[in-house]
Each structure stands twice: as C-alpha cells, then as structure tokens.
Amino acid sequence: MSNPENNLVPVVRFAPSPTGYLHVGGARTALFNFLFARHHGGIFILRIEDTDQKRFQAEALQEIFASLKWLGLNWDEGPEAGGERGPYFQSQRTALYRRHAEQLLAAGKAYRCFCSEERLARMREEQEKAKMAHGSGYDRHCRLRPEAEVKALLAANAAHVVRLKVPDNRVVVFNDLIRGEISYDSSQLDDLVLLKSDGFPTYHLANVVDDHLMQITHVLRGDEWIVSTPKHILIYEAFGWPPPHFAHMPVILAADGGKLSKRRGAASVLDYQRSGFQPEALLNFLVLLGWAPGGDREIMTLDEMTAAFSLQRVSAKAAVFDETKLEWMNGHYLQQRSQESLLPEVMACWEKLLPPPPAVLADQAYAKKVIGLFKERSKKIIEIAENSGYFFRDPAAYDPQAARKYFKSETISILELLAEKLAALEPFSHEALEGLYRQVAEGLGLPAGKLIHPTRLAVSGVSFGPGLFEMLELLGKETVIRRLQSAGNWIGTAAGKEE
C-alpha cells in the first residue's frame, strides 16, 4: 500500500530507553509504529536509546526484546536483526553526535556554555524570586562570551556543555498528523543543551541526528513529547535538514481518570504474560487505546489491524485503560485455543500451585479434560489452574460461608443417600448423574438444588465451578463417593463442636 504522506515509503522507529520495564504505554507506541509501517509497506526499526549509562539496566534491555517478540512485533532493523542504518544502540554512536555538535558550533548555530552548576542554581533561584513566566530558562550568559575568552577557557580544559542558539522572535509551527497545526513561540524555549560536559549527547541531539541518519519519515510517539517537538524542529533547521512528519498519540489514563501507575494498569508487558494474558488479547486491547477501526468492531487479529490501521482514525482524546475490558478480551482469545495448546502453560501453573505435583498431573488426557471444563469460564490461564485444584487433590477445607449455607445437620443423610445411589450407578456419565439427582430429589420431595449445592461443596470445597454433572463424571465414581462421605463426617464433627 502507498503512504498517504507525500508517497514516501515510511520508515518508523520505536526507541525505548532500557532504564526500566516495557510498560503498556510503550507497547502501544511500538504497536502503532509497527502497524503504520506494515500497512504502508514500510520499515519498522528498533533503536535503543541507552546514553544514560547510570540508569542503564541490562535486564530491562532483555525484557524489551522479550516483550516485543512475545507480542509478535518483529522489527525489520535493529539489535539482533541488523540493517544498513546501524549501529542501533545510541551508546555506540557517541562519536557521531560529537561530530554533529561540532558542525553546529562551526556554523554558528550552537555555542559552548561554561556556566557552573552553582551559577545555574543561583540563576534559577533569582528567576523564581522574580516570578519570571517566560524566558525563565538559561539566561544566555555564555552566548555573549567573547571568542577570545572561549578559546582561553578551552585551552584550560574548562568543563562545558554545548547549547543550541534558539532564534529570537520566532514562531515554530508544525502539523501534527493527529492533532493538526501546533505552534510555539521561541521565547518559551530555552537554549537547550545538545552535548553534556561528559561528551554524551542529550536526548534531543541524539534523537534528531539518529532520526535523520536513519531516514525516519514519521515520528509516532506519546503526547508527552509534544513540548519537545519545537526544540527538535529547531535542531533540524540548524542542520539544514527537513524534519519528519510528527504524530503524537493520546495519553492513556487509569479507569478513574488518574495517571496510570503499576497498581492501575501500568504493569510491564511481561507481567501481563506471567499473569496469563494472551499476546493477541493485549495487542487487541492496546490498539483500541486511541484508535478505532470504525463501526462497533472490537475483536481483531494483528493482520486485520494492519489492514485497517490509519492515523486518520487515531484520536487526540485521552484513552482509558479499562482492565475489565482487557480481561474480557483475554477470555475471548483464551476460549479460541485448544486444550492441547493450553496444556503446557496451565501445567506450569499447576506445578507451582500444587507442590509437590500430584501424580495425576502426569495424565495429560485427564488434564486436558479439566482445562476443557474451565477455559470457557476463565479470563486468564492462571484462573484455570487456581480454580481447578480439587481435580487433583481432595479439598483441604470448605468455604466457610458456603458451609454455613449448605451444610446443615440434615445434609448428612442426603449425602449418605447420594453416595449409596452413586455406587450403583452405571454408566457414571453426566447424563446418568443428572437423571439420578432429579430422581432422588423428587423422591425426597426436595428441589434439586438441595442436593446439587451440598454435593458441589463436598467434592470441590467451593460453591462455584463448571457444570456439576460434568465435574462429577470427570472426577470419577470413587473420588466423588469418598468426598461425599468425608463431607458428611465433617458436618457431623462440626455440629458436635457447636453443641
């Protein structure tokens, strides 16, 4: 497909910093870049912005790679994939940034600033006292230094940074592909630092140099970067380079309208993986945080998203992270999977939840039947494992609230009668079981629930779960009778204690 913006073959990038986990906001940014590139037949680059070596975390870098791979967002160029625009780690490009800073110095577009931290602190304090609304950034003290003084300071190896000469009386205007025209007055902008005193670039210089040299045509990023865009445009102009197209995605808010936090949706991608979410569900959920395919369609595969994606349908309005909806979507995708495909993941959960693993776990045919009973009513893989433990071990206890409701003294005789009838039942199928329970209830003059609820609690320890008769069939005659008898004994003991 051709690209709507000047018929360029789009080149986009996802450029995370490995200073922490990849959260859902970053994953959405990666997804939108991936979809835009794939829709228009372009190139999706992964670039690692690791110039902040103090905060660099090797494990965070590996988590970024693992998260993107798990989601299926495979990059065309970048670490591991290679490509003609590398290297793809900014820490390996520092000499390049220094050369470009020197170019701006030579062209008179930048200058060296020798101000100490103490002087800058005093300057900010004075500005705060004066309550300066605009122009309260750097006061351009070194921009006015005589050349001879600059040379003398350099000869003395004085520490310094390199700053951009931000032009006066200039309105920076750019067309955001999502938000329309945005403008900033240059009086609101500081003479920003391009190169730090340690020779490492700031984010702004490295970002612009890399985007230009990597031939990035479209910058798709979160709306927190809007305020940086005029700075970047001025850096492009200083180099004489055309800027790329910009599109700033809407902020993602928590369900209560507040900022996302780890307690409110901003967990890492791999945390969602570990919690039993499906990658297809998380992708489907993320794509709808700011983008709409049209109509009331919500369930989409990655290929379907790719075919339908366009920036024209991305809203500037804040998106809301509704974890209930994510769980609903995950349940949908979970139900599409076969018991066979779910078995390894559910088995891993069982082995953690049921130490030491019971021998019956080795029976894969049985385990798959258990999964089949639970997957339709589960929203996450972990729920299948958590709610099905009684298929592998007798319940260690009974839910107290349910026991007060369903375990009465008269229940003992009902459970004894059921155990006697079940011992003679053949075949032990859910159809035959249902018929027996209806028959016994009718014979006792009781509603079927008076038998069904105590039975469920007796065999599982809880008051909820899959269909009772399917559950009894899978547990088997011997197990069901044993548990009915154990529950009757427990009720008798509990009643004795109350007396």
Foldseek 3Di string as FASTA:
>chain_A
DFDPPVRDLFEEELEEELLDFAWLQSVLLLLLQLLNNLLHVHFYEYAYEHLPVVRHDPVRVVNVVVLCVQLVSDGCDAPPNHDDLDDRYVVVCLVVLLVVLVVLVVVVQKFKALDDPVNQVVLLVVCVVVVDPWLSHDPCPRVPDDPVVVVVCVVVVRQIFMFGDQDAQDKDWAQALAPGIDIDHSRRPDRDTQAHSVSGGDPLSSVLVSCVSVVHQEYEEAPVCVVVVSVNCSVCVSVPHDDHHYHHAAAEDFQVRHRDDCVGRGPHSVVCVVFFFRSQLSSLLSNPQFFDLDDPDRRDGSVRCSNRDDSHRGHNDGGYDDVVVSLVSRLVVLVVDALVVLLVVLLVLLVVVDPVRAPCNVVSVLSSLLCVQPSNPGSGSNCSNVQRCLLRPFDPAADVVLCVVQLDLVVLVVLVVLLVVLVPDPPLALVSVVVVLVVVCVVVVHPSCNNQQVLCCQSRRYRDGGDRSSVDSSSDSVSSSVSSNVSSVVSVVVVVVVD
